Amino acid sequence: MMSSGCDICHVKEGEVKPVARCTSCHGSLGGLHKSGAHAGTDCTACHSPHAWKVTARETCLTCHNDRKNHYPPAFCGECHKFGKG
């Protein structure tokens, strides 16, 4: 994403916001992206701008703290697939 240029996400040059909708480029999300509360959650709740890939268990535990002892210390994405399409 970062190699694509700022204008991919930032609508106005030199301004942080407004930001383009993620679905304008990522319309074919599948797996857990479409499941339950994930479907209605803003992308930036899990995906940090400029470091989009979620690789930390702590990101998921922000909402799913009740699962902190569910196969620690594995990253949730190893078993729970978000996937595309």
C-alpha atoms as a PDB file:
ATOM      1  CA  MET A   1       0.000   0.000   0.000  1.00  0.00           C
ATOM      2  CA  MET A   2       2.671   2.503   0.963  1.00  0.00           C
ATOM      3  CA  SER A   3       4.473   2.075  -2.345  1.00  0.00           C
ATOM      4  CA  SER A   4       1.289   3.020  -4.228  1.00  0.00           C
ATOM      5  CA  GLY A   5       1.347   6.656  -3.144  1.00  0.00           C
ATOM      6  CA  CYS A   6      -0.592   8.744  -0.644  1.00  0.00           C
ATOM      7  CA  ASP A   7      -3.349   9.601  -3.121  1.00  0.00           C
ATOM      8  CA  ILE A   8      -4.571   5.996  -3.080  1.00  0.00           C
ATOM      9  CA  CYS A   9      -6.123   6.616   0.353  1.00  0.00           C
ATOM     10  CA  HIS A  10      -5.943  10.364   0.942  1.00  0.00           C
ATOM     11  CA  VAL A  11      -8.564  12.175  -1.127  1.00  0.00           C
ATOM     12  CA  LYS A  12      -7.031  15.653  -0.904  1.00  0.00           C
ATOM     13  CA  GLU A  13      -3.308  16.167  -1.461  1.00  0.00           C
ATOM     14  CA  GLY A  14      -1.520  17.235   1.712  1.00  0.00           C
ATOM     15  CA  GLU A  15      -4.521  16.565   3.974  1.00  0.00           C
ATOM     16  CA  VAL A  16      -4.932  13.621   6.326  1.00  0.00           C
ATOM     17  CA  LYS A  17      -8.720  13.496   5.894  1.00  0.00           C
ATOM     18  CA  PRO A  18     -10.974  12.825   4.101  1.00  0.00           C
ATOM     19  CA  VAL A  19      -9.796   9.300   3.390  1.00  0.00           C
ATOM     20  CA  ALA A  20     -11.152   7.144   0.565  1.00  0.00           C
ATOM     21  CA  ARG A  21     -13.352   4.191   1.458  1.00  0.00           C
ATOM     22  CA  CYS A  22     -11.269   1.017   1.681  1.00  0.00           C
ATOM     23  CA  THR A  23     -13.918  -0.896  -0.260  1.00  0.00           C
ATOM     24  CA  SER A  24     -13.238   1.245  -3.321  1.00  0.00           C
ATOM     25  CA  CYS A  25     -10.123  -0.910  -3.820  1.00  0.00           C
ATOM     26  CA  HIS A  26     -10.921  -3.894  -1.584  1.00  0.00           C
ATOM     27  CA  GLY A  27     -14.406  -4.899  -2.657  1.00  0.00           C
ATOM     28  CA  SER A  28     -13.922  -8.676  -2.560  1.00  0.00           C
ATOM     29  CA  LEU A  29     -13.187  -9.311   1.108  1.00  0.00           C
ATOM     30  CA  GLY A  30     -14.289 -12.647   2.461  1.00  0.00           C
ATOM     31  CA  GLY A  31     -13.944 -14.971   5.415  1.00  0.00           C
ATOM     32  CA  LEU A  32     -14.242 -13.289   8.797  1.00  0.00           C
ATOM     33  CA  HIS A  33     -14.336  -9.843   7.166  1.00  0.00           C
ATOM     34  CA  LYS A  34     -17.978 -10.649   6.307  1.00  0.00           C
ATOM     35  CA  SER A  35     -18.816 -12.477   9.522  1.00  0.00           C
ATOM     36  CA  GLY A  36     -20.752 -11.098  12.480  1.00  0.00           C
ATOM     37  CA  ALA A  37     -19.738  -7.710  13.845  1.00  0.00           C
ATOM     38  CA  HIS A  38     -16.666  -7.638  11.579  1.00  0.00           C
ATOM     39  CA  ALA A  39     -18.888  -6.862   8.597  1.00  0.00           C
ATOM     40  CA  GLY A  40     -20.095  -3.583  10.085  1.00  0.00           C
ATOM     41  CA  THR A  41     -16.836  -2.490  11.679  1.00  0.00           C
ATOM     42  CA  ASP A  42     -14.703   0.271  10.214  1.00  0.00           C
ATOM     43  CA  CYS A  43     -11.512  -1.126   8.649  1.00  0.00           C
ATOM     44  CA  THR A  44      -9.265   1.023  10.822  1.00  0.00           C
ATOM     45  CA  ALA A  45     -10.621  -0.655  13.970  1.00  0.00           C
ATOM     46  CA  CYS A  46      -8.249  -3.528  13.163  1.00  0.00           C
ATOM     47  CA  HIS A  47      -6.025  -2.202  10.395  1.00  0.00           C
ATOM     48  CA  SER A  48      -3.707   0.623  11.415  1.00  0.00           C
ATOM     49  CA  PRO A  49      -3.026   3.173   8.695  1.00  0.00           C
ATOM     50  CA  HIS A  50       0.431   2.810   7.129  1.00  0.00           C
ATOM     51  CA  ALA A  51       0.879  -0.654   8.680  1.00  0.00           C
ATOM     52  CA  TRP A  52      -2.194  -2.399   7.291  1.00  0.00           C
ATOM     53  CA  LYS A  53      -1.320  -6.042   7.890  1.00  0.00           C
ATOM     54  CA  VAL A  54      -2.699  -7.364  11.170  1.00  0.00           C
ATOM     55  CA  THR A  55      -0.161  -9.753  12.690  1.00  0.00           C
ATOM     56  CA  ALA A  56      -0.586  -9.219  16.416  1.00  0.00           C
ATOM     57  CA  ARG A  57      -2.929 -11.168  18.645  1.00  0.00           C
ATOM     58  CA  GLU A  58      -3.382  -7.993  20.705  1.00  0.00           C
ATOM     59  CA  THR A  59      -5.255  -6.362  17.828  1.00  0.00           C
ATOM     60  CA  CYS A  60      -7.969  -9.024  18.036  1.00  0.00           C
ATOM     61  CA  LEU A  61      -8.013  -8.982  21.836  1.00  0.00           C
ATOM     62  CA  THR A  62      -9.050  -5.326  21.743  1.00  0.00           C
ATOM     63  CA  CYS A  63     -12.592  -6.571  21.083  1.00  0.00           C
ATOM     64  CA  HIS A  64     -12.227 -10.259  21.940  1.00  0.00           C
ATOM     65  CA  ASN A  65     -10.575 -10.038  25.369  1.00  0.00           C
ATOM     66  CA  ASP A  66     -12.689 -12.999  26.496  1.00  0.00           C
ATOM     67  CA  ARG A  67     -10.525 -15.130  24.162  1.00  0.00           C
ATOM     68  CA  LYS A  68      -7.133 -14.155  25.636  1.00  0.00           C
ATOM     69  CA  ASN A  69      -6.547 -17.729  26.842  1.00  0.00           C
ATOM     70  CA  HIS A  70      -7.728 -19.315  23.577  1.00  0.00           C
ATOM     71  CA  TYR A  71      -4.532 -20.925  22.212  1.00  0.00           C
ATOM     72  CA  PRO A  72      -2.058 -18.274  23.387  1.00  0.00           C
ATOM     73  CA  PRO A  73       0.370 -17.002  22.164  1.00  0.00           C
ATOM     74  CA  ALA A  74      -0.647 -17.889  18.598  1.00  0.00           C
ATOM     75  CA  PHE A  75      -1.843 -15.106  16.285  1.00  0.00           C
ATOM     76  CA  CYS A  76      -5.580 -15.481  15.687  1.00  0.00           C
ATOM     77  CA  GLY A  77      -5.125 -15.312  11.901  1.00  0.00           C
ATOM     78  CA  GLU A  78      -3.262 -18.630  11.950  1.00  0.00           C
ATOM     79  CA  CYS A  79      -6.565 -20.449  12.507  1.00  0.00           C
ATOM     80  CA  HIS A  80      -9.270 -17.862  11.815  1.00  0.00           C
ATOM     81  CA  LYS A  81      -9.081 -16.958   8.159  1.00  0.00           C
ATOM     82  CA  PHE A  82     -10.119 -13.540   6.972  1.00  0.00           C
ATOM     83  CA  GLY A  83      -9.275 -14.193   3.337  1.00  0.00           C
ATOM     84  CA  LYS A  84     -10.615 -12.711   0.123  1.00  0.00           C
ATOM     85  CA  GLY A  85     -13.546 -13.489  -2.082  1.00  0.00           C
END
